[in-house]
């Protein structure tokens, strides 16, 4: 087989490319305390960007008498996923962050810090890619998802930009596939 550099006609034959701005964030299952603060639509309508979940397969090296082979080893899910969003004056994202962080470590009134049970703190989040007609084409489902970190943004008198929180969503594993 001879490979050649692609021409314009070759590129035209490939079809429509996936566009980076066509996607949905869906909170399929979220902790009850967090659901009081934000709905799936609240986050989806405010989300500006999202990283895509990835995984890495580590290598196992075997060396016998000077010869080395590499084989696949353990798969590591590269967590957290980052969601960038825009805050609004109803404080939906600020409340989501506060309530989810309180589930992980609630130290109100000077307490030593209480943590909610795992099943009350974690959920399932779906990241859905869309085609040019906004039909779902590919889905990533994060299992055991919880708010690991949040950069809340900066208050800055030199700009008219909105607050842009960055949510670090940790997860145990993900599944992906075409819809």
Protein backbone atom coordinates (compact mmCIF):
# COMPACT_ATOMS: atom_id res chain seq x y z
CA UNK A 1 0.00 0.00 0.00
CA UNK A 2 1.31 3.40 -0.96
CA UNK A 3 0.30 6.28 1.28
CA UNK A 4 0.04 9.75 -0.20
CA UNK A 5 -0.45 13.17 1.24
CA UNK A 6 -4.20 13.95 1.38
CA UNK A 7 -5.63 16.24 -1.27
CA UNK A 8 -8.66 18.51 -0.94
CA UNK A 9 -10.77 15.84 -2.69
CA UNK A 10 -9.55 13.20 -0.23
CA UNK A 11 -10.60 15.45 2.65
CA UNK A 12 -14.00 16.09 1.07
CA UNK A 13 -14.61 12.34 0.89
CA UNK A 14 -14.08 11.96 4.65
CA UNK A 15 -17.37 13.70 5.49
CA UNK A 16 -18.34 16.00 8.34
CA UNK A 17 -15.80 16.53 11.09
CA UNK A 18 -16.83 16.59 14.76
CA UNK A 19 -17.06 20.17 16.00
CA UNK A 20 -15.63 20.96 19.42
CA UNK A 21 -18.52 23.24 20.45
CA UNK A 22 -21.32 20.66 20.00
CA UNK A 23 -21.73 18.77 23.27
CA UNK A 24 -23.92 18.32 26.35
CA UNK A 25 -23.06 17.77 30.02
CA UNK A 26 -25.76 15.66 31.68
CA UNK A 27 -25.89 15.05 35.43
CA UNK A 28 -27.45 11.60 35.14
CA UNK A 29 -27.23 10.90 38.88
CA UNK A 30 -26.06 13.47 41.39
CA UNK A 31 -26.12 13.59 45.18
CA UNK A 32 -29.44 14.79 46.61
CA UNK A 33 -27.78 17.69 48.45
CA UNK A 34 -26.20 18.90 45.19
CA UNK A 35 -29.44 18.45 43.25
CA UNK A 36 -31.01 21.04 45.57
CA UNK A 37 -28.54 23.61 44.22
CA UNK A 38 -28.33 22.81 40.52
CA UNK A 39 -30.11 20.85 37.81
CA UNK A 40 -28.52 19.16 34.84
CA UNK A 41 -29.77 22.03 32.66
CA UNK A 42 -28.28 24.63 35.03
CA UNK A 43 -24.80 23.18 34.58
CA UNK A 44 -25.25 22.36 30.88
CA UNK A 45 -26.35 25.89 29.98
CA UNK A 46 -23.44 27.46 31.90
CA UNK A 47 -20.70 25.03 30.79
CA UNK A 48 -18.21 26.67 28.46
CA UNK A 49 -15.63 23.90 28.07
CA UNK A 50 -14.89 20.36 29.13
CA UNK A 51 -11.94 18.08 28.85
CA UNK A 52 -12.58 14.60 27.47
CA UNK A 53 -11.95 11.65 29.80
CA UNK A 54 -8.87 9.62 28.95
CA UNK A 55 -7.14 6.51 30.18
CA UNK A 56 -3.60 5.24 29.95
CA UNK A 57 -2.46 1.65 29.84
CA UNK A 58 0.77 1.17 31.71
CA UNK A 59 3.40 -1.15 30.30
CA UNK A 60 4.82 -4.22 31.95
CA UNK A 61 8.39 -4.94 30.90
CA UNK A 62 9.71 -8.48 31.00
CA UNK A 63 13.46 -9.00 30.60
CA UNK A 64 14.84 -12.49 30.27
CA UNK A 65 18.51 -13.02 29.43
CA UNK A 66 18.95 -9.65 27.78
CA UNK A 67 15.74 -9.64 25.75
CA UNK A 68 12.95 -7.28 26.75
CA UNK A 69 9.32 -7.33 25.71
CA UNK A 70 6.61 -4.88 26.68
CA UNK A 71 3.07 -5.97 27.34
CA UNK A 72 -0.02 -4.10 28.40
CA UNK A 73 -0.47 -3.77 32.13
CA UNK A 74 -2.92 -1.91 34.31
CA UNK A 75 -5.23 0.75 32.87
CA UNK A 76 -5.29 4.03 34.78
CA UNK A 77 -8.20 6.43 34.36
CA UNK A 78 -6.83 9.97 34.12
CA UNK A 79 -9.02 11.73 36.63
CA UNK A 80 -10.17 14.49 37.18
CA UNK A 81 -12.02 15.83 34.16
CA UNK A 82 -12.24 19.64 34.02
CA UNK A 83 -15.45 21.54 33.30
CA UNK A 84 -15.14 25.28 32.70
CA UNK A 85 -18.31 27.30 33.25
CA UNK A 86 -19.73 30.80 33.60
CA UNK A 87 -21.32 31.84 36.88
CA UNK A 88 -24.57 33.81 36.92
CA UNK A 89 -26.07 36.11 39.55
CA UNK A 90 -28.31 33.32 40.86
CA UNK A 91 -25.10 31.66 42.18
CA UNK A 92 -26.01 28.20 40.84
CA UNK A 93 -22.39 27.11 40.40
CA UNK A 94 -21.20 28.65 43.67
CA UNK A 95 -23.92 26.70 45.48
CA UNK A 96 -23.09 23.50 43.58
CA UNK A 97 -19.45 23.88 44.63
CA UNK A 98 -20.28 24.66 48.26
CA UNK A 99 -22.78 21.85 48.69
CA UNK A 100 -20.62 19.23 46.97
CA UNK A 101 -17.52 20.28 48.91
CA UNK A 102 -19.51 20.16 52.16
CA UNK A 103 -20.40 16.53 51.40
CA UNK A 104 -16.68 15.75 51.14
CA UNK A 105 -15.67 17.72 54.24
CA UNK A 106 -18.21 19.65 56.28
CA UNK A 107 -16.54 21.69 59.01
CA UNK A 108 -19.29 24.20 59.77
CA UNK A 109 -19.36 25.70 63.23
CA UNK A 110 -15.76 24.68 63.87
CA UNK A 111 -16.40 20.94 63.81
CA UNK A 112 -13.53 18.56 63.14
CA UNK A 113 -14.90 17.76 59.68
CA UNK A 114 -17.60 15.31 58.70
CA UNK A 115 -17.67 13.36 55.45
CA UNK A 116 -20.85 12.05 53.82
CA UNK A 117 -21.03 8.35 52.91
CA UNK A 118 -19.62 7.63 49.45
CA UNK A 119 -23.02 6.70 48.02
CA UNK A 120 -24.34 10.12 49.06
CA UNK A 121 -21.36 12.01 47.60
CA UNK A 122 -20.80 10.38 44.20
CA UNK A 123 -22.87 10.26 41.04
CA UNK A 124 -22.84 9.60 37.32
CA UNK A 125 -22.11 12.26 34.71
CA UNK A 126 -22.49 11.95 30.95
CA UNK A 127 -20.56 13.98 28.37
CA UNK A 128 -22.35 13.68 25.02
CA UNK A 129 -20.90 14.78 21.68
CA UNK A 130 -23.33 15.99 19.00
CA UNK A 131 -23.35 16.04 15.21
CA UNK A 132 -24.03 19.13 13.04
CA UNK A 133 -27.79 18.70 13.63
CA UNK A 134 -27.30 18.42 17.41
CA UNK A 135 -28.05 14.69 17.45
CA UNK A 136 -26.08 12.60 19.98
CA UNK A 137 -23.25 10.68 18.31
CA UNK A 138 -20.85 9.65 21.10
CA UNK A 139 -21.11 9.40 24.89
CA UNK A 140 -18.67 9.25 27.80
CA UNK A 141 -20.21 8.10 31.09
CA UNK A 142 -18.26 8.85 34.28
CA UNK A 143 -18.95 6.50 37.19
CA UNK A 144 -18.24 7.40 40.81
CA UNK A 145 -18.09 11.09 39.87
CA UNK A 146 -17.57 13.70 42.59
CA UNK A 147 -16.25 17.24 42.89
CA UNK A 148 -12.55 16.92 43.69
CA UNK A 149 -11.58 20.55 43.23
CA UNK A 150 -12.95 23.90 42.16
CA UNK A 151 -11.20 27.04 41.03
CA UNK A 152 -13.88 29.65 41.61
CA UNK A 153 -12.44 32.38 39.40
CA UNK A 154 -11.03 35.79 40.20
CA UNK A 155 -12.76 39.05 41.05
CA UNK A 156 -11.10 41.59 38.78
CA UNK A 157 -11.93 45.25 38.30
CA UNK A 158 -10.10 45.49 34.96
CA UNK A 159 -12.48 43.30 32.97
CA UNK A 160 -16.18 42.82 32.32
CA UNK A 161 -15.82 39.03 32.08
CA UNK A 162 -18.07 36.78 34.17
CA UNK A 163 -16.69 34.58 36.93
CA UNK A 164 -15.47 31.36 35.30
CA UNK A 165 -15.29 28.49 37.80
CA UNK A 166 -13.30 25.39 36.82
CA UNK A 167 -14.74 22.18 38.28
CA UNK A 168 -12.42 19.21 38.72
CA UNK A 169 -14.68 16.15 38.52
CA UNK A 170 -12.96 13.02 39.83
CA UNK A 171 -14.25 9.61 38.73
CA UNK A 172 -13.45 5.94 39.24
CA UNK A 173 -13.85 4.87 35.64
CA UNK A 174 -15.66 5.77 32.43
CA UNK A 175 -17.31 4.00 29.57
CA UNK A 176 -17.50 5.43 26.08
CA UNK A 177 -19.00 4.58 22.76
CA UNK A 178 -20.93 5.67 19.70
CA UNK A 179 -24.65 6.26 20.18
